[in-house]
Protein backbone atom coordinates (compact mmCIF):
# COMPACT_ATOMS: atom_id res chain seq x y z
CA ASP A 1 -46.22 -8.66 24.02
CA GLN A 2 -48.34 -6.75 27.21
CA PHE A 3 -49.81 -10.12 28.48
CA LYS A 4 -48.72 -9.78 32.11
CA ALA A 5 -50.23 -6.60 32.14
CA VAL A 6 -53.79 -7.82 31.23
CA ASN A 7 -53.19 -10.68 34.31
CA ASP A 8 -52.54 -7.45 36.20
CA ARG A 9 -55.32 -5.02 35.69
CA LEU A 10 -57.57 -7.75 34.91
CA GLY A 11 -57.22 -11.15 36.53
CA HIS A 12 -56.00 -13.85 35.90
CA PRO A 13 -59.02 -15.70 34.72
CA ALA A 14 -58.66 -12.93 31.78
CA GLY A 15 -55.22 -13.64 30.69
CA ASP A 16 -56.34 -17.10 30.54
CA ALA A 17 -59.39 -16.51 28.14
CA LEU A 18 -57.11 -13.76 26.15
CA LEU A 19 -54.77 -17.23 26.02
CA VAL A 20 -57.80 -19.24 24.69
CA GLU A 21 -58.48 -16.22 22.27
CA ALA A 22 -54.71 -15.55 21.06
CA GLY A 23 -54.17 -19.41 19.99
CA ALA A 24 -57.77 -19.33 17.94
CA ARG A 25 -56.43 -15.76 15.75
CA ILE A 26 -52.82 -17.47 15.75
CA ALA A 27 -54.09 -20.28 13.98
CA ALA A 28 -56.68 -18.18 11.56
CA CYS A 29 -53.81 -17.03 9.84
CA LEU A 30 -52.59 -20.36 8.95
CA ARG A 31 -53.44 -22.43 6.77
CA GLU A 32 -55.15 -26.18 7.45
CA SER A 33 -51.85 -27.56 6.97
CA ASP A 34 -49.93 -25.74 9.65
CA THR A 35 -49.72 -25.94 13.15
CA VAL A 36 -50.09 -23.86 16.05
CA ALA A 37 -49.40 -25.19 19.85
CA ARG A 38 -48.71 -23.15 23.02
CA PHE A 39 -45.07 -23.17 24.82
CA GLY A 40 -46.18 -22.00 27.60
CA GLY A 41 -46.97 -19.28 29.43
CA ASP A 42 -47.44 -16.08 26.81
CA GLU A 43 -45.37 -18.34 24.44
CA PHE A 44 -47.07 -19.53 20.80
CA ALA A 45 -45.43 -21.59 17.92
CA ALA A 46 -46.44 -21.68 14.30
CA LEU A 47 -44.66 -24.55 12.05
CA LEU A 48 -45.47 -23.47 8.66
CA THR A 49 -45.63 -26.49 5.80
CA GLU A 50 -44.96 -26.30 2.12
CA ILE A 51 -44.08 -22.96 2.40
CA GLU A 52 -43.77 -21.08 -1.25
CA GLY A 53 -40.97 -18.61 -0.52
CA LEU A 54 -40.40 -15.53 2.18
CA ALA A 55 -43.13 -13.90 1.10
CA ALA A 56 -45.43 -16.00 2.15
CA VAL A 57 -43.52 -16.11 5.35
CA GLU A 58 -43.57 -12.96 5.55
CA GLU A 59 -47.29 -12.27 5.03
CA VAL A 60 -48.63 -14.65 7.60
CA ALA A 61 -46.44 -13.21 10.21
CA GLN A 62 -47.82 -9.32 9.31
CA ARG A 63 -51.04 -11.43 10.03
CA ILE A 64 -50.36 -12.16 13.40
CA CYS A 65 -49.15 -9.06 14.43
CA VAL A 66 -52.73 -6.90 12.69
CA ASN A 67 -54.88 -10.16 14.52
CA LEU A 68 -53.20 -9.96 17.67
CA ALA A 69 -52.64 -6.23 18.19
CA ALA A 70 -56.79 -5.93 17.11
CA ARG A 71 -58.82 -4.95 20.81
CA PHE A 72 -59.38 -7.79 22.54
CA SER A 73 -63.13 -8.53 24.02
CA LEU A 74 -63.21 -10.77 27.46
CA PRO A 75 -65.78 -11.42 29.54
CA GLN A 76 -64.07 -10.03 32.99
CA GLY A 77 -62.95 -6.75 30.48
CA GLU A 78 -61.47 -5.43 27.05
CA ALA A 79 -57.72 -6.07 26.30
CA GLN A 80 -55.24 -4.85 24.04
CA VAL A 81 -51.57 -6.44 23.41
CA ALA A 82 -49.36 -7.20 20.48
CA ALA A 83 -46.97 -9.57 19.54
CA SER A 84 -43.86 -9.37 18.73
CA VAL A 85 -42.92 -12.77 16.20
CA GLY A 86 -39.56 -14.38 15.29
CA VAL A 87 -38.91 -16.54 11.91
CA ALA A 88 -37.01 -19.41 11.31
CA ILE A 89 -36.91 -21.55 7.97
CA ALA A 90 -35.02 -24.71 7.28
CA PRO A 91 -33.21 -25.74 5.90
CA GLU A 92 -31.13 -22.08 5.90
CA HIS A 93 -32.03 -21.75 9.90
CA GLY A 94 -31.32 -25.36 10.90
CA THR A 95 -32.16 -28.43 9.67
CA ASP A 96 -33.14 -29.84 14.06
CA SER A 97 -36.10 -28.58 16.35
CA VAL A 98 -33.73 -27.29 19.13
CA SER A 99 -31.53 -24.79 16.47
CA LEU A 100 -34.89 -23.71 14.90
CA GLN A 101 -36.62 -22.93 17.64
CA GLN A 102 -33.12 -21.19 19.52
CA HIS A 103 -32.95 -19.26 16.33
CA ALA A 104 -36.75 -18.04 16.20
CA ASP A 105 -36.23 -16.47 19.66
CA GLU A 106 -33.30 -14.48 18.84
CA ALA A 107 -35.64 -13.23 16.59
CA LEU A 108 -38.13 -12.72 18.03
CA TYR A 109 -36.45 -10.40 21.31
CA ALA A 110 -35.09 -8.45 18.12
CA ALA A 111 -38.44 -7.22 17.69
CA LYS A 112 -39.70 -7.14 20.36
CA ARG A 113 -35.90 -5.00 21.41
CA ALA A 114 -36.88 -3.29 17.70
CA GLY A 115 -39.95 -1.87 20.13
CA ARG A 116 -42.45 -4.57 19.84
CA ASN A 117 -45.72 -5.62 18.23
CA GLY A 118 -43.60 -7.00 14.35
CA TRP A 119 -41.54 -9.91 13.14
CA ARG A 120 -37.83 -10.41 12.11
CA LEU A 121 -36.56 -13.05 10.11
CA TYR A 122 -33.39 -14.00 11.88
CA VAL A 123 -30.54 -13.70 9.61
CA GLN A 124 -26.84 -15.49 10.33
CA GLY A 125 -26.87 -15.09 14.35
CA ILE A 126 -28.13 -11.63 13.87
CA ALA A 127 -31.93 -10.97 13.77
CA ASP A 128 -32.97 -9.30 10.94
CA GLY A 129 -35.86 -8.18 8.66
CA PRO A 130 -39.11 -5.54 8.41
CA VAL A 131 -40.90 -4.40 11.72
CA ALA A 132 -44.66 -3.73 11.50
């Protein structure tokens, strides 16, 4: 959240540095067996494998929100952003990458509507869940 404001205030090189650091912070929230990837712009995806229940997913989502809300010290200056996280879990929310991505995206936008800097779990067409 608020990535564009960093680009506007500090310039595109700062935005690029922010993206690199944000990716590293997200990766630090995951286990070695998990994957983080940038989809484009300021959107990232984390693929968690071998999860041991919803509590583990909640913990990772919360950790991502906390880590990205911490101030970034960039060469161009200080920056403050946040994360809205959407969660979809296979097979409950889909069995293919397209439906899982679509449902995670719906949950993401529900987190943004709820005030940003939090996460939502996709639930049968309605994104629901705690917002940090």
